Amino acid sequence: MKLLRQLLKGLPIFPWLGKMKKTAKEIKVYTDEEAISLLVEAQLSKQQYNTIKLQAKTKGRNIYPSYNKVRAAKERCYPDSIIVTG
C-alpha cells in the first residue's frame, strides 16, 4: 500500500536512486561543429588535434569526433562554388 501511495503522489520509490543520478556527471561529447570551432580558435594542426583527442581517450573520455569527420563537416560549411584542396 505504501508503495502504491508513493507512486500516486509522484514520490520517488527508491530515494537513493535519485541521489545516484545527481552524483553521476554526464559526459558531453563535442559535435563536429564544436570541434571545428576548437580547431579554428586554437589554431590546431591535424597532429595537435589528434594528440588532444588521444589524450582524452586514454583518460576514458572519447569526447572528440575523428579528424576526418571534422574535416568533412568543415568542407560542408563552404559554398558549393568554392573548391578546397589540401
C-alpha atoms as a PDB file:
ATOM      1  CA  MET A   1       0.000   0.000   0.000  1.00  0.00           C
ATOM      2  CA  LYS A   2       2.767   2.441   0.920  1.00  0.00           C
ATOM      3  CA  LEU A   3       4.420   1.839  -2.457  1.00  0.00           C
ATOM      4  CA  LEU A   4       1.153   2.499  -4.281  1.00  0.00           C
ATOM      5  CA  ARG A   5       0.603   5.743  -2.328  1.00  0.00           C
ATOM      6  CA  GLN A   6       4.117   6.924  -3.189  1.00  0.00           C
ATOM      7  CA  LEU A   7       3.516   6.191  -6.867  1.00  0.00           C
ATOM      8  CA  LEU A   8       0.236   8.088  -6.857  1.00  0.00           C
ATOM      9  CA  LYS A   9       1.779  11.068  -5.082  1.00  0.00           C
ATOM     10  CA  GLY A  10       4.693  11.110  -7.506  1.00  0.00           C
ATOM     11  CA  LEU A  11       7.204  10.473  -4.723  1.00  0.00           C
ATOM     12  CA  PRO A  12      10.369   8.549  -5.513  1.00  0.00           C
ATOM     13  CA  ILE A  13      10.069   4.886  -4.629  1.00  0.00           C
ATOM     14  CA  PHE A  14      13.800   4.476  -4.148  1.00  0.00           C
ATOM     15  CA  PRO A  15      15.137   7.829  -2.860  1.00  0.00           C
ATOM     16  CA  TRP A  16      18.748   6.648  -3.070  1.00  0.00           C
ATOM     17  CA  LEU A  17      18.346   6.158  -6.822  1.00  0.00           C
ATOM     18  CA  GLY A  18      17.729   9.879  -7.290  1.00  0.00           C
ATOM     19  CA  LYS A  19      20.904  10.657  -5.356  1.00  0.00           C
ATOM     20  CA  MET A  20      22.901   8.335  -7.587  1.00  0.00           C
ATOM     21  CA  LYS A  21      21.649  10.102 -10.692  1.00  0.00           C
ATOM     22  CA  LYS A  22      22.596  13.506  -9.303  1.00  0.00           C
ATOM     23  CA  THR A  23      26.140  12.470  -8.409  1.00  0.00           C
ATOM     24  CA  ALA A  24      26.922  10.852 -11.764  1.00  0.00           C
ATOM     25  CA  LYS A  25      28.148  13.514 -14.188  1.00  0.00           C
ATOM     26  CA  GLU A  26      27.003  13.297 -17.761  1.00  0.00           C
ATOM     27  CA  ILE A  27      29.852  13.221 -20.249  1.00  0.00           C
ATOM     28  CA  LYS A  28      29.181  15.593 -23.110  1.00  0.00           C
ATOM     29  CA  VAL A  29      30.889  14.998 -26.424  1.00  0.00           C
ATOM     30  CA  TYR A  30      31.898  17.623 -28.961  1.00  0.00           C
ATOM     31  CA  THR A  31      29.761  17.899 -32.052  1.00  0.00           C
ATOM     32  CA  ASP A  32      31.539  18.170 -35.392  1.00  0.00           C
ATOM     33  CA  GLU A  33      30.769  21.889 -35.426  1.00  0.00           C
ATOM     34  CA  GLU A  34      32.127  22.433 -31.918  1.00  0.00           C
ATOM     35  CA  ALA A  35      35.309  20.594 -32.886  1.00  0.00           C
ATOM     36  CA  ILE A  36      35.672  22.864 -35.953  1.00  0.00           C
ATOM     37  CA  SER A  37      35.404  25.856 -33.626  1.00  0.00           C
ATOM     38  CA  LEU A  38      38.094  24.378 -31.361  1.00  0.00           C
ATOM     39  CA  LEU A  39      40.413  23.765 -34.328  1.00  0.00           C
ATOM     40  CA  VAL A  40      39.996  27.279 -35.692  1.00  0.00           C
ATOM     41  CA  GLU A  41      40.083  29.218 -32.412  1.00  0.00           C
ATOM     42  CA  ALA A  42      43.115  27.351 -31.056  1.00  0.00           C
ATOM     43  CA  GLN A  43      44.772  27.219 -34.492  1.00  0.00           C
ATOM     44  CA  LEU A  44      45.376  23.489 -34.067  1.00  0.00           C
ATOM     45  CA  SER A  45      47.140  21.383 -36.652  1.00  0.00           C
ATOM     46  CA  LYS A  46      45.840  17.926 -37.506  1.00  0.00           C
ATOM     47  CA  GLN A  47      48.552  16.395 -35.321  1.00  0.00           C
ATOM     48  CA  GLN A  48      47.761  18.668 -32.366  1.00  0.00           C
ATOM     49  CA  TYR A  49      44.029  17.904 -32.612  1.00  0.00           C
ATOM     50  CA  ASN A  50      44.652  14.167 -32.794  1.00  0.00           C
ATOM     51  CA  THR A  51      47.031  14.361 -29.804  1.00  0.00           C
ATOM     52  CA  ILE A  52      44.382  16.108 -27.699  1.00  0.00           C
ATOM     53  CA  LYS A  53      41.763  13.597 -28.856  1.00  0.00           C
ATOM     54  CA  LEU A  54      44.028  10.649 -27.976  1.00  0.00           C
ATOM     55  CA  GLN A  55      44.925  12.062 -24.551  1.00  0.00           C
ATOM     56  CA  ALA A  56      41.248  12.489 -23.669  1.00  0.00           C
ATOM     57  CA  LYS A  57      40.542   8.960 -24.913  1.00  0.00           C
ATOM     58  CA  THR A  58      43.304   7.464 -22.723  1.00  0.00           C
ATOM     59  CA  LYS A  59      41.558   9.071 -19.739  1.00  0.00           C
ATOM     60  CA  GLY A  60      38.349   7.278 -20.679  1.00  0.00           C
ATOM     61  CA  ARG A  61      36.764  10.319 -22.305  1.00  0.00           C
ATOM     62  CA  ASN A  62      36.144   9.757 -26.001  1.00  0.00           C
ATOM     63  CA  ILE A  63      34.661  13.233 -26.442  1.00  0.00           C
ATOM     64  CA  TYR A  64      36.140  14.418 -29.737  1.00  0.00           C
ATOM     65  CA  PRO A  65      34.991  13.312 -33.190  1.00  0.00           C
ATOM     66  CA  SER A  66      37.606  11.952 -35.581  1.00  0.00           C
ATOM     67  CA  TYR A  67      39.637  14.485 -37.520  1.00  0.00           C
ATOM     68  CA  ASN A  68      38.202  13.154 -40.784  1.00  0.00           C
ATOM     69  CA  LYS A  69      34.638  13.790 -39.561  1.00  0.00           C
ATOM     70  CA  VAL A  70      35.613  17.312 -38.522  1.00  0.00           C
ATOM     71  CA  ARG A  71      37.323  17.986 -41.864  1.00  0.00           C
ATOM     72  CA  ALA A  72      34.262  16.728 -43.757  1.00  0.00           C
ATOM     73  CA  ALA A  73      31.969  18.932 -41.645  1.00  0.00           C
ATOM     74  CA  LYS A  74      34.237  21.909 -42.278  1.00  0.00           C
ATOM     75  CA  GLU A  75      34.074  21.306 -46.043  1.00  0.00           C
ATOM     76  CA  ARG A  76      30.259  21.268 -45.843  1.00  0.00           C
ATOM     77  CA  CYS A  77      30.437  24.815 -44.461  1.00  0.00           C
ATOM     78  CA  TYR A  78      31.905  26.191 -47.680  1.00  0.00           C
ATOM     79  CA  PRO A  79      29.640  27.379 -50.527  1.00  0.00           C
ATOM     80  CA  ASP A  80      29.378  24.983 -53.483  1.00  0.00           C
ATOM     81  CA  SER A  81      31.264  27.419 -55.739  1.00  0.00           C
ATOM     82  CA  ILE A  82      34.437  27.175 -53.625  1.00  0.00           C
ATOM     83  CA  ILE A  83      36.777  24.230 -54.122  1.00  0.00           C
ATOM     84  CA  VAL A  84      39.001  23.423 -51.146  1.00  0.00           C
ATOM     85  CA  THR A  85      42.187  21.412 -51.644  1.00  0.00           C
ATOM     86  CA  GLY A  86      44.827  20.027 -49.289  1.00  0.00           C
END
